[in-house]
């Protein structure tokens, strides 16, 4: 079920967020509380874990929100997952690097010195394999 998938991801990050004094919020559309996904929940979960890990890495105050709702997409209903945070943000110039292999951003090297720039690329490949889209807003 969608709700339990979100709960599992949130559970992974609760301690880390509280340790950084960040609020961790989840926003699940009430109509989805009993919806069962007919997709690869393992891949969806991995994508959400990657997105949440990035949000945690680059957010130092405020909150992180994991949301899911139903949207119309390509003429049918689809789930839309989103991770929103009050982190440091990313310049327009560097946004083009986000989903490219080894798309490291030099201005963030001090924050993430051990990063190799593949998490978002893997996430993009997983989402595309599930016939979805991933993007930054």
N, C-alpha and C. Protein backbone atom coordinates (compact mmCIF):
# COMPACT_ATOMS: atom_id res chain seq x y z
N UNK A 1 0.83 -1.19 0.00
CA UNK A 1 0.00 0.00 0.00
C UNK A 1 0.87 1.24 0.00
N UNK A 2 0.37 2.29 -0.60
CA UNK A 2 1.10 3.54 -0.71
C UNK A 2 1.44 4.10 0.67
N UNK A 3 0.48 4.06 1.55
CA UNK A 3 0.69 4.63 2.89
C UNK A 3 1.85 3.93 3.61
N UNK A 4 1.90 2.61 3.54
CA UNK A 4 2.97 1.89 4.24
C UNK A 4 4.33 2.15 3.58
N UNK A 5 4.35 2.35 2.28
CA UNK A 5 5.60 2.68 1.59
C UNK A 5 6.15 4.02 2.10
N UNK A 6 5.28 5.00 2.20
CA UNK A 6 5.70 6.31 2.71
C UNK A 6 6.15 6.20 4.16
N UNK A 7 5.40 5.45 4.96
CA UNK A 7 5.75 5.27 6.37
C UNK A 7 7.14 4.65 6.52
N UNK A 8 7.45 3.66 5.69
CA UNK A 8 8.76 3.01 5.74
C UNK A 8 9.88 4.00 5.46
N UNK A 9 9.70 4.82 4.45
CA UNK A 9 10.72 5.80 4.09
C UNK A 9 10.89 6.83 5.20
N UNK A 10 9.79 7.32 5.73
CA UNK A 10 9.85 8.31 6.81
C UNK A 10 10.54 7.72 8.03
N UNK A 11 10.24 6.47 8.35
CA UNK A 11 10.87 5.81 9.51
C UNK A 11 12.39 5.81 9.41
N UNK A 12 12.92 5.65 8.20
CA UNK A 12 14.36 5.61 8.00
C UNK A 12 15.01 6.95 8.39
N UNK A 13 14.28 8.06 8.18
CA UNK A 13 14.88 9.39 8.35
C UNK A 13 14.48 10.12 9.62
N UNK A 14 13.57 9.55 10.40
CA UNK A 14 13.09 10.25 11.60
C UNK A 14 14.22 10.61 12.56
N UNK A 15 15.06 9.67 12.88
CA UNK A 15 16.13 9.94 13.85
C UNK A 15 17.11 10.98 13.32
N UNK A 16 17.51 10.83 12.05
CA UNK A 16 18.47 11.77 11.48
C UNK A 16 17.91 13.19 11.43
N UNK A 17 16.65 13.32 11.09
CA UNK A 17 16.04 14.64 11.05
C UNK A 17 15.94 15.25 12.45
N UNK A 18 15.54 14.45 13.42
CA UNK A 18 15.45 14.98 14.78
C UNK A 18 16.83 15.36 15.30
N UNK A 19 17.86 14.62 14.92
CA UNK A 19 19.23 14.93 15.32
C UNK A 19 19.69 16.28 14.75
N UNK A 20 19.19 16.65 13.57
CA UNK A 20 19.53 17.94 12.96
C UNK A 20 18.50 19.03 13.28
N UNK A 21 17.56 18.71 14.18
CA UNK A 21 16.48 19.63 14.54
C UNK A 21 15.64 20.05 13.34
N UNK A 22 15.40 19.10 12.45
CA UNK A 22 14.54 19.34 11.29
C UNK A 22 13.19 18.68 11.52
N UNK A 23 12.15 19.33 11.04
CA UNK A 23 10.83 18.70 11.06
C UNK A 23 10.73 17.80 9.84
N UNK A 24 10.28 16.59 10.07
CA UNK A 24 10.04 15.64 8.98
C UNK A 24 8.54 15.44 8.89
N UNK A 25 7.98 15.83 7.78
CA UNK A 25 6.54 15.78 7.59
C UNK A 25 6.20 14.86 6.43
N UNK A 26 5.04 14.24 6.53
CA UNK A 26 4.53 13.44 5.41
C UNK A 26 3.15 13.96 5.07
N UNK A 27 2.87 13.96 3.81
CA UNK A 27 1.59 14.46 3.32
C UNK A 27 1.05 13.41 2.35
N UNK A 28 0.13 12.60 2.83
CA UNK A 28 -0.45 11.54 2.02
C UNK A 28 -1.90 11.89 1.74
N UNK A 29 -2.23 12.01 0.47
CA UNK A 29 -3.60 12.28 0.08
C UNK A 29 -4.49 11.22 0.73
N UNK A 30 -5.51 11.63 1.51
CA UNK A 30 -6.35 10.67 2.24
C UNK A 30 -6.98 9.59 1.36
N UNK A 31 -7.27 9.91 0.11
CA UNK A 31 -7.87 8.90 -0.77
C UNK A 31 -6.89 7.79 -1.13
N UNK A 32 -5.61 7.98 -0.81
CA UNK A 32 -4.61 6.98 -1.14
C UNK A 32 -4.28 6.04 0.02
N UNK A 33 -4.91 6.25 1.16
CA UNK A 33 -4.53 5.49 2.35
C UNK A 33 -4.66 3.98 2.17
N UNK A 34 -5.57 3.53 1.32
CA UNK A 34 -5.72 2.08 1.13
C UNK A 34 -5.39 1.65 -0.30
N UNK A 35 -4.79 2.54 -1.10
CA UNK A 35 -4.43 2.21 -2.48
C UNK A 35 -3.21 1.30 -2.50
N UNK A 36 -3.29 0.28 -3.32
CA UNK A 36 -2.17 -0.64 -3.51
C UNK A 36 -1.51 -0.30 -4.83
N UNK A 37 -0.19 -0.20 -4.84
CA UNK A 37 0.52 0.09 -6.08
C UNK A 37 0.69 -1.19 -6.89
N UNK A 38 0.63 -1.03 -8.18
CA UNK A 38 0.89 -2.15 -9.09
C UNK A 38 2.16 -1.82 -9.85
N UNK A 39 3.20 -1.67 -9.09
CA UNK A 39 4.49 -1.26 -9.64
C UNK A 39 5.59 -1.92 -8.83
N UNK A 40 6.80 -1.54 -9.09
CA UNK A 40 7.95 -2.09 -8.38
C UNK A 40 8.19 -1.24 -7.13
N UNK A 41 7.57 -1.64 -6.02
CA UNK A 41 7.69 -0.87 -4.79
C UNK A 41 9.13 -0.74 -4.30
N UNK A 42 9.96 -1.73 -4.59
CA UNK A 42 11.36 -1.66 -4.20
C UNK A 42 12.08 -0.51 -4.89
N UNK A 43 11.82 -0.36 -6.18
CA UNK A 43 12.44 0.75 -6.92
C UNK A 43 11.88 2.09 -6.48
N UNK A 44 10.58 2.14 -6.29
CA UNK A 44 9.98 3.40 -5.82
C UNK A 44 10.58 3.79 -4.49
N UNK A 45 10.69 2.83 -3.59
CA UNK A 45 11.26 3.10 -2.27
C UNK A 45 12.71 3.57 -2.40
N UNK A 46 13.50 2.95 -3.26
CA UNK A 46 14.89 3.36 -3.43
C UNK A 46 14.99 4.79 -3.94
N UNK A 47 14.13 5.16 -4.88
CA UNK A 47 14.11 6.54 -5.39
C UNK A 47 13.78 7.50 -4.27
N UNK A 48 12.76 7.18 -3.49
CA UNK A 48 12.38 8.06 -2.38
C UNK A 48 13.49 8.16 -1.34
N UNK A 49 14.16 7.05 -1.06
CA UNK A 49 15.28 7.08 -0.12
C UNK A 49 16.40 7.98 -0.64
N UNK A 50 16.70 7.89 -1.94
CA UNK A 50 17.73 8.74 -2.53
C UNK A 50 17.35 10.22 -2.44
N UNK A 51 16.11 10.53 -2.76
CA UNK A 51 15.66 11.93 -2.71
C UNK A 51 15.66 12.47 -1.28
N UNK A 52 15.21 11.64 -0.36
CA UNK A 52 15.19 12.07 1.05
C UNK A 52 16.61 12.24 1.58
N UNK A 53 17.53 11.36 1.19
CA UNK A 53 18.92 11.47 1.64
C UNK A 53 19.53 12.78 1.14
N UNK A 54 19.24 13.15 -0.09
CA UNK A 54 19.74 14.42 -0.61
C UNK A 54 19.14 15.59 0.15
N UNK A 55 17.85 15.52 0.41
CA UNK A 55 17.21 16.60 1.15
C UNK A 55 17.83 16.74 2.53
N UNK A 56 18.07 15.64 3.19
CA UNK A 56 18.67 15.67 4.52
C UNK A 56 20.09 16.23 4.47
N UNK A 57 20.84 15.84 3.47
CA UNK A 57 22.23 16.27 3.33
C UNK A 57 22.35 17.79 3.19
N UNK A 58 21.42 18.40 2.47
CA UNK A 58 21.54 19.81 2.13
C UNK A 58 20.53 20.71 2.84
N UNK A 59 19.90 20.20 3.90
CA UNK A 59 18.96 21.00 4.69
C UNK A 59 19.50 21.11 6.10
N UNK A 60 19.65 22.34 6.58
CA UNK A 60 20.25 22.57 7.89
C UNK A 60 19.30 23.20 8.89
N UNK A 61 18.18 23.69 8.40
CA UNK A 61 17.13 24.19 9.29
C UNK A 61 15.81 24.14 8.54
N UNK A 62 14.75 24.04 9.31
CA UNK A 62 13.43 24.01 8.68
C UNK A 62 12.84 22.62 8.63
N UNK A 63 12.48 22.18 7.41
CA UNK A 63 11.75 20.92 7.29
C UNK A 63 12.03 20.19 5.98
N UNK A 64 11.61 18.93 5.99
CA UNK A 64 11.59 18.09 4.79
C UNK A 64 10.20 17.46 4.75
N UNK A 65 9.58 17.50 3.58
CA UNK A 65 8.23 16.96 3.43
C UNK A 65 8.24 15.89 2.33
N UNK A 66 7.72 14.72 2.65
CA UNK A 66 7.51 13.67 1.66
C UNK A 66 6.02 13.59 1.39
N UNK A 67 5.64 13.80 0.14
CA UNK A 67 4.22 13.85 -0.22
C UNK A 67 3.90 12.86 -1.33
N UNK A 68 2.64 12.44 -1.37
CA UNK A 68 2.15 11.63 -2.47
C UNK A 68 0.69 11.99 -2.71
N UNK A 69 0.34 12.12 -3.98
CA UNK A 69 -1.04 12.41 -4.35
C UNK A 69 -1.33 11.78 -5.70
N UNK A 70 -2.59 11.76 -6.07
CA UNK A 70 -3.00 11.23 -7.36
C UNK A 70 -3.11 12.40 -8.33
N UNK A 71 -2.56 12.23 -9.53
CA UNK A 71 -2.62 13.27 -10.56
C UNK A 71 -3.01 12.63 -11.88
N UNK A 72 -3.44 13.47 -12.80
CA UNK A 72 -3.68 12.99 -14.16
C UNK A 72 -2.36 13.11 -14.91
N UNK A 73 -1.97 12.04 -15.56
CA UNK A 73 -0.71 12.03 -16.29
C UNK A 73 -0.85 11.18 -17.54
N UNK A 74 -0.59 11.75 -18.68
CA UNK A 74 -0.70 11.06 -19.97
C UNK A 74 -2.07 10.41 -20.15
N UNK A 75 -3.10 11.11 -19.73
CA UNK A 75 -4.47 10.63 -19.94
C UNK A 75 -5.00 9.62 -18.94
N UNK A 76 -4.24 9.33 -17.90
CA UNK A 76 -4.74 8.42 -16.88
C UNK A 76 -4.27 8.89 -15.50
N UNK A 77 -4.73 8.20 -14.48
CA UNK A 77 -4.33 8.56 -13.13
C UNK A 77 -2.98 7.95 -12.79
N UNK A 78 -2.18 8.70 -12.06
CA UNK A 78 -0.86 8.23 -11.64
C UNK A 78 -0.54 8.80 -10.28
N UNK A 79 0.38 8.14 -9.59
CA UNK A 79 0.85 8.65 -8.31
C UNK A 79 1.96 9.67 -8.56
N UNK A 80 1.92 10.74 -7.80
CA UNK A 80 2.99 11.73 -7.86
C UNK A 80 3.62 11.82 -6.47
N UNK A 81 4.87 11.46 -6.39
CA UNK A 81 5.63 11.55 -5.15
C UNK A 81 6.48 12.81 -5.23
N UNK A 82 6.64 13.49 -4.11
CA UNK A 82 7.51 14.66 -4.11
C UNK A 82 8.22 14.79 -2.77
N UNK A 83 9.43 15.32 -2.83
CA UNK A 83 10.22 15.65 -1.65
C UNK A 83 10.50 17.13 -1.73
N UNK A 84 10.10 17.84 -0.70
CA UNK A 84 10.27 19.29 -0.62
C UNK A 84 11.06 19.60 0.63
N UNK A 85 11.97 20.56 0.53
CA UNK A 85 12.76 20.89 1.72
C UNK A 85 13.07 22.38 1.76
N UNK A 86 13.60 22.81 2.88
CA UNK A 86 14.02 24.21 3.06
C UNK A 86 15.54 24.29 3.03
N UNK A 87 16.14 23.44 2.22
CA UNK A 87 17.59 23.36 2.11
C UNK A 87 18.21 24.54 1.38
N UNK A 88 19.48 24.38 1.07
CA UNK A 88 20.26 25.48 0.51
C UNK A 88 19.92 25.80 -0.94
N UNK A 89 19.21 24.92 -1.61
CA UNK A 89 18.83 25.17 -2.99
C UNK A 89 19.97 24.90 -3.95
N UNK A 90 19.70 25.13 -5.21
CA UNK A 90 20.69 24.89 -6.24
C UNK A 90 20.51 25.91 -7.35
N UNK A 91 21.62 26.46 -7.82
CA UNK A 91 21.55 27.50 -8.85
C UNK A 91 20.96 26.93 -10.15
N UNK A 92 20.35 27.79 -10.94
CA UNK A 92 19.78 27.38 -12.22
C UNK A 92 20.84 26.70 -13.09
N UNK A 93 22.04 27.27 -13.08
CA UNK A 93 23.13 26.72 -13.88
C UNK A 93 23.42 25.27 -13.50
N UNK A 94 23.41 24.95 -12.23
CA UNK A 94 23.74 23.61 -11.77
C UNK A 94 22.58 22.63 -11.82
N UNK A 95 21.37 23.12 -11.98
CA UNK A 95 20.21 22.22 -12.04
C UNK A 95 20.31 21.25 -13.21
N UNK A 96 20.97 21.66 -14.28
CA UNK A 96 21.10 20.78 -15.45
C UNK A 96 22.00 19.58 -15.17
N UNK A 97 22.81 19.64 -14.13
CA UNK A 97 23.73 18.55 -13.78
C UNK A 97 23.07 17.49 -12.90
N UNK A 98 21.92 17.79 -12.35
CA UNK A 98 21.35 16.94 -11.31
C UNK A 98 21.14 15.49 -11.68
N UNK A 99 20.64 15.21 -12.84
CA UNK A 99 20.28 13.83 -13.18
C UNK A 99 21.27 13.19 -14.16
N UNK A 100 22.46 13.80 -14.27
CA UNK A 100 23.51 13.25 -15.13
C UNK A 100 24.49 12.45 -14.29
N UNK A 101 25.03 11.41 -14.89
CA UNK A 101 26.00 10.57 -14.20
C UNK A 101 27.20 11.40 -13.76
N UNK A 102 27.58 11.26 -12.51
CA UNK A 102 28.68 11.99 -11.89
C UNK A 102 28.45 13.50 -11.96
N UNK A 103 27.20 13.91 -11.83
CA UNK A 103 26.84 15.32 -11.91
C UNK A 103 27.11 16.06 -10.61
N UNK A 104 28.35 16.04 -10.18
CA UNK A 104 28.72 16.71 -8.94
C UNK A 104 28.70 18.22 -9.12
N UNK A 105 28.35 18.89 -8.06
CA UNK A 105 28.28 20.35 -8.08
C UNK A 105 29.38 20.86 -7.16
N UNK A 106 30.34 21.56 -7.74
CA UNK A 106 31.54 21.95 -7.00
C UNK A 106 31.24 22.82 -5.79
N UNK A 107 30.20 23.65 -5.86
CA UNK A 107 29.89 24.52 -4.72
C UNK A 107 29.42 23.74 -3.49
N UNK A 108 29.07 22.48 -3.67
CA UNK A 108 28.59 21.65 -2.54
C UNK A 108 29.62 20.63 -2.07
N UNK A 109 30.84 20.70 -2.58
CA UNK A 109 31.85 19.71 -2.21
C UNK A 109 32.14 19.68 -0.72
N UNK A 110 32.08 20.84 -0.06
CA UNK A 110 32.36 20.87 1.38
C UNK A 110 31.24 20.21 2.17
N UNK A 111 30.03 20.28 1.68
CA UNK A 111 28.89 19.68 2.36
C UNK A 111 28.85 18.18 2.13
N UNK A 112 29.18 17.75 0.93
CA UNK A 112 29.09 16.34 0.55
C UNK A 112 30.40 15.88 -0.07
N UNK A 113 31.49 15.85 0.71
CA UNK A 113 32.80 15.54 0.14
C UNK A 113 32.95 14.11 -0.37
N UNK A 114 32.13 13.19 0.12
CA UNK A 114 32.24 11.80 -0.30
C UNK A 114 31.23 11.40 -1.37
N UNK A 115 30.44 12.36 -1.83
CA UNK A 115 29.45 12.06 -2.86
C UNK A 115 30.11 11.75 -4.18
N UNK A 116 29.45 10.87 -4.95
CA UNK A 116 30.03 10.53 -6.26
C UNK A 116 29.11 10.93 -7.41
N UNK A 117 27.92 11.46 -7.10
CA UNK A 117 27.07 11.99 -8.15
C UNK A 117 26.29 10.95 -8.93
N UNK A 118 25.95 9.82 -8.31
CA UNK A 118 25.18 8.83 -9.06
C UNK A 118 23.77 8.59 -8.52
N UNK A 119 23.47 9.05 -7.31
CA UNK A 119 22.17 8.77 -6.69
C UNK A 119 20.99 9.25 -7.50
N UNK A 120 21.06 10.47 -8.01
CA UNK A 120 19.94 10.99 -8.79
C UNK A 120 19.89 10.37 -10.19
N UNK A 121 21.04 9.98 -10.72
CA UNK A 121 21.07 9.30 -12.01
C UNK A 121 20.39 7.94 -11.90
N UNK A 122 20.72 7.20 -10.86
CA UNK A 122 20.09 5.90 -10.63
C UNK A 122 18.59 6.09 -10.43
N UNK A 123 18.22 7.11 -9.65
CA UNK A 123 16.79 7.38 -9.43
C UNK A 123 16.08 7.66 -10.74
N UNK A 124 16.70 8.45 -11.59
CA UNK A 124 16.09 8.76 -12.89
C UNK A 124 15.90 7.49 -13.72
N UNK A 125 16.90 6.63 -13.73
CA UNK A 125 16.80 5.37 -14.50
C UNK A 125 15.68 4.49 -13.95
N UNK A 126 15.56 4.40 -12.63
CA UNK A 126 14.49 3.61 -12.03
C UNK A 126 13.12 4.17 -12.41
N UNK A 127 12.96 5.49 -12.29
CA UNK A 127 11.67 6.12 -12.59
C UNK A 127 11.32 5.91 -14.06
N UNK A 128 12.28 6.09 -14.93
CA UNK A 128 12.02 5.90 -16.36
C UNK A 128 11.68 4.44 -16.67
N UNK A 129 12.32 3.49 -15.98
CA UNK A 129 12.00 2.08 -16.17
C UNK A 129 10.56 1.77 -15.76
N UNK A 130 10.02 2.58 -14.86
CA UNK A 130 8.63 2.42 -14.41
C UNK A 130 7.68 3.30 -15.22
N UNK A 131 8.16 3.82 -16.35
CA UNK A 131 7.38 4.68 -17.25
C UNK A 131 6.95 5.99 -16.59
N UNK A 132 7.80 6.52 -15.71
CA UNK A 132 7.51 7.78 -15.05
C UNK A 132 8.50 8.86 -15.43
N UNK A 133 8.39 9.97 -14.76
CA UNK A 133 9.29 11.12 -14.96
C UNK A 133 9.79 11.59 -13.61
N UNK A 134 10.98 12.14 -13.60
CA UNK A 134 11.52 12.77 -12.40
C UNK A 134 12.10 14.11 -12.80
N UNK A 135 11.83 15.11 -11.98
CA UNK A 135 12.34 16.45 -12.30
C UNK A 135 12.37 17.33 -11.05
N UNK A 136 13.05 18.42 -11.19
CA UNK A 136 13.17 19.42 -10.13
C UNK A 136 12.19 20.53 -10.41
N UNK A 137 11.51 20.98 -9.38
CA UNK A 137 10.61 22.15 -9.54
C UNK A 137 11.16 23.31 -8.78
